[in-house]
Amino acid sequence: MNLKVSKKSSTGLNTVFVNTESGRKITLNHAINQINKGTPNYSNYQAVTKSNGTTYIRSIADGSKKNNIE
């Protein structure tokens, strides 16, 4: 599954994504929950919590641009 950013907050945090294969919209919180549960469709992504408590998702670094969040 590949994700594309659909909406950002005023601070630049990506808050809504679109699954480019199905067209389904996915919220940041849903994506974080699925990543933390180990859902296979989200295996190319990781949730990261910054020191200020903000959690965001990013592609796991693997040298491939093919599965990066657009």
N, C-alpha and C. Protein backbone atom coordinates (compact mmCIF):
# COMPACT_ATOMS: atom_id res chain seq x y z
N MET A 1 0.84 -1.17 0.00
CA MET A 1 0.00 0.00 0.00
C MET A 1 0.89 1.24 0.00
N ASN A 2 0.54 2.21 -0.82
CA ASN A 2 1.25 3.48 -0.86
C ASN A 2 0.32 4.59 -0.41
N LEU A 3 0.87 5.50 0.40
CA LEU A 3 0.09 6.61 0.90
C LEU A 3 0.53 7.91 0.26
N LYS A 4 -0.44 8.81 0.06
CA LYS A 4 -0.18 10.14 -0.44
C LYS A 4 -0.87 11.12 0.50
N VAL A 5 -0.19 12.20 0.84
CA VAL A 5 -0.76 13.20 1.74
C VAL A 5 -1.94 13.89 1.07
N SER A 6 -3.05 13.97 1.81
CA SER A 6 -4.25 14.62 1.30
C SER A 6 -4.54 15.94 2.02
N LYS A 7 -4.10 16.02 3.29
CA LYS A 7 -4.38 17.23 4.08
C LYS A 7 -3.28 17.43 5.11
N LYS A 8 -2.91 18.70 5.31
CA LYS A 8 -1.92 19.07 6.33
C LYS A 8 -2.54 20.06 7.30
N SER A 9 -2.03 20.08 8.53
CA SER A 9 -2.47 21.08 9.51
C SER A 9 -1.74 22.39 9.22
N SER A 10 -2.10 23.42 9.94
CA SER A 10 -1.45 24.72 9.76
C SER A 10 0.03 24.69 10.13
N THR A 11 0.43 23.69 10.92
CA THR A 11 1.84 23.55 11.32
C THR A 11 2.62 22.66 10.36
N GLY A 12 1.93 22.09 9.36
CA GLY A 12 2.60 21.24 8.39
C GLY A 12 2.52 19.75 8.68
N LEU A 13 1.83 19.39 9.76
CA LEU A 13 1.68 17.97 10.09
C LEU A 13 0.70 17.32 9.12
N ASN A 14 1.11 16.22 8.50
CA ASN A 14 0.23 15.48 7.60
C ASN A 14 -0.86 14.81 8.44
N THR A 15 -2.12 15.14 8.17
CA THR A 15 -3.22 14.64 9.01
C THR A 15 -4.16 13.68 8.31
N VAL A 16 -4.21 13.71 6.98
CA VAL A 16 -5.06 12.80 6.21
C VAL A 16 -4.27 12.31 5.01
N PHE A 17 -4.39 11.03 4.73
CA PHE A 17 -3.67 10.40 3.63
C PHE A 17 -4.67 9.71 2.73
N VAL A 18 -4.24 9.41 1.50
CA VAL A 18 -5.06 8.62 0.58
C VAL A 18 -4.24 7.40 0.19
N ASN A 19 -4.88 6.23 0.28
CA ASN A 19 -4.28 5.01 -0.22
C ASN A 19 -4.34 5.11 -1.74
N THR A 20 -3.20 5.20 -2.40
CA THR A 20 -3.18 5.44 -3.84
C THR A 20 -3.71 4.25 -4.64
N GLU A 21 -3.78 3.09 -4.03
CA GLU A 21 -4.29 1.91 -4.73
C GLU A 21 -5.81 1.82 -4.68
N SER A 22 -6.40 2.19 -3.54
CA SER A 22 -7.85 2.04 -3.38
C SER A 22 -8.60 3.37 -3.41
N GLY A 23 -7.89 4.47 -3.19
CA GLY A 23 -8.53 5.78 -3.12
C GLY A 23 -9.13 6.08 -1.75
N ARG A 24 -8.98 5.17 -0.80
CA ARG A 24 -9.55 5.33 0.54
C ARG A 24 -8.78 6.38 1.33
N LYS A 25 -9.50 7.27 2.03
CA LYS A 25 -8.87 8.27 2.89
C LYS A 25 -8.58 7.64 4.25
N ILE A 26 -7.43 8.00 4.80
CA ILE A 26 -6.97 7.44 6.07
C ILE A 26 -6.49 8.59 6.94
N THR A 27 -6.99 8.67 8.17
CA THR A 27 -6.53 9.72 9.08
C THR A 27 -5.18 9.34 9.68
N LEU A 28 -4.49 10.33 10.17
CA LEU A 28 -3.21 10.09 10.83
C LEU A 28 -3.37 9.13 11.99
N ASN A 29 -4.39 9.35 12.83
CA ASN A 29 -4.60 8.48 13.99
C ASN A 29 -4.87 7.04 13.58
N HIS A 30 -5.65 6.84 12.52
CA HIS A 30 -5.92 5.48 12.04
C HIS A 30 -4.62 4.82 11.56
N ALA A 31 -3.82 5.57 10.81
CA ALA A 31 -2.55 5.04 10.31
C ALA A 31 -1.62 4.67 11.47
N ILE A 32 -1.53 5.55 12.46
CA ILE A 32 -0.68 5.28 13.63
C ILE A 32 -1.15 4.00 14.33
N ASN A 33 -2.45 3.87 14.54
CA ASN A 33 -2.99 2.67 15.20
C ASN A 33 -2.66 1.41 14.42
N GLN A 34 -2.82 1.46 13.10
CA GLN A 34 -2.54 0.29 12.27
C GLN A 34 -1.05 -0.07 12.28
N ILE A 35 -0.20 0.94 12.24
CA ILE A 35 1.25 0.70 12.31
C ILE A 35 1.60 0.06 13.65
N ASN A 36 1.08 0.61 14.73
CA ASN A 36 1.39 0.09 16.07
C ASN A 36 0.86 -1.32 16.28
N LYS A 37 -0.25 -1.68 15.61
CA LYS A 37 -0.80 -3.04 15.70
C LYS A 37 -0.05 -4.03 14.83
N GLY A 38 0.80 -3.52 13.95
CA GLY A 38 1.56 -4.41 13.06
C GLY A 38 0.78 -4.88 11.86
N THR A 39 -0.23 -4.12 11.44
CA THR A 39 -1.04 -4.49 10.28
C THR A 39 -0.13 -4.57 9.05
N PRO A 40 -0.15 -5.72 8.34
CA PRO A 40 0.77 -5.92 7.20
C PRO A 40 0.73 -4.83 6.13
N ASN A 41 -0.43 -4.25 5.85
CA ASN A 41 -0.50 -3.20 4.82
C ASN A 41 0.33 -1.98 5.18
N TYR A 42 0.64 -1.82 6.45
CA TYR A 42 1.39 -0.64 6.91
C TYR A 42 2.85 -0.99 7.24
N SER A 43 3.32 -2.11 6.77
CA SER A 43 4.67 -2.57 7.13
C SER A 43 5.78 -1.70 6.56
N ASN A 44 5.49 -0.87 5.56
CA ASN A 44 6.51 0.02 5.00
C ASN A 44 6.58 1.36 5.71
N TYR A 45 5.79 1.52 6.77
CA TYR A 45 5.71 2.80 7.47
C TYR A 45 6.01 2.62 8.95
N GLN A 46 6.42 3.72 9.59
CA GLN A 46 6.66 3.70 11.03
C GLN A 46 6.10 4.97 11.64
N ALA A 47 5.65 4.85 12.88
CA ALA A 47 5.17 5.99 13.65
C ALA A 47 6.34 6.51 14.48
N VAL A 48 6.52 7.82 14.46
CA VAL A 48 7.62 8.46 15.18
C VAL A 48 7.03 9.54 16.09
N THR A 49 7.46 9.54 17.35
CA THR A 49 7.01 10.57 18.29
C THR A 49 8.17 11.52 18.57
N LYS A 50 7.93 12.80 18.29
CA LYS A 50 8.95 13.82 18.53
C LYS A 50 9.01 14.15 20.02
N SER A 51 10.05 14.87 20.42
CA SER A 51 10.23 15.22 21.84
C SER A 51 9.10 16.09 22.38
N ASN A 52 8.38 16.80 21.48
CA ASN A 52 7.27 17.63 21.94
C ASN A 52 5.96 16.84 22.06
N GLY A 53 6.00 15.54 21.78
CA GLY A 53 4.84 14.68 21.92
C GLY A 53 4.05 14.47 20.64
N THR A 54 4.39 15.17 19.57
CA THR A 54 3.70 15.02 18.29
C THR A 54 4.12 13.71 17.63
N THR A 55 3.15 12.92 17.21
CA THR A 55 3.44 11.67 16.52
C THR A 55 3.07 11.82 15.05
N TYR A 56 3.96 11.37 14.19
CA TYR A 56 3.72 11.41 12.76
C TYR A 56 4.15 10.08 12.16
N ILE A 57 3.82 9.87 10.89
CA ILE A 57 4.26 8.64 10.24
C ILE A 57 5.23 8.98 9.12
N ARG A 58 6.09 8.01 8.83
CA ARG A 58 7.02 8.16 7.72
C ARG A 58 7.31 6.78 7.14
N SER A 59 7.82 6.79 5.93
CA SER A 59 8.23 5.55 5.30
C SER A 59 9.48 5.04 6.01
N ILE A 60 9.60 3.73 6.11
CA ILE A 60 10.81 3.15 6.66
C ILE A 60 11.92 3.33 5.62
N ALA A 61 13.04 3.84 6.05
CA ALA A 61 14.15 4.09 5.12
C ALA A 61 14.66 2.77 4.55
N ASP A 62 14.54 2.66 3.23
CA ASP A 62 15.03 1.46 2.56
C ASP A 62 15.71 1.77 1.23
N GLY A 63 15.90 3.07 0.96
CA GLY A 63 16.58 3.47 -0.27
C GLY A 63 15.69 3.49 -1.50
N SER A 64 14.41 3.15 -1.34
CA SER A 64 13.49 3.13 -2.47
C SER A 64 12.52 4.31 -2.38
N LYS A 65 12.40 5.06 -3.47
CA LYS A 65 11.44 6.17 -3.50
C LYS A 65 10.06 5.65 -3.85
N LYS A 66 9.98 4.43 -4.33
CA LYS A 66 8.72 3.83 -4.78
C LYS A 66 7.67 3.75 -3.68
N ASN A 67 8.09 3.52 -2.43
CA ASN A 67 7.12 3.37 -1.34
C ASN A 67 7.13 4.54 -0.36
N ASN A 68 7.69 5.68 -0.76
CA ASN A 68 7.69 6.87 0.11
C ASN A 68 6.32 7.52 0.13
N ILE A 69 6.02 8.22 1.22
CA ILE A 69 4.79 9.00 1.29
C ILE A 69 4.98 10.21 0.40
N GLU A 70 4.04 10.42 -0.50
CA GLU A 70 4.16 11.55 -1.43
C GLU A 70 3.63 12.82 -0.82
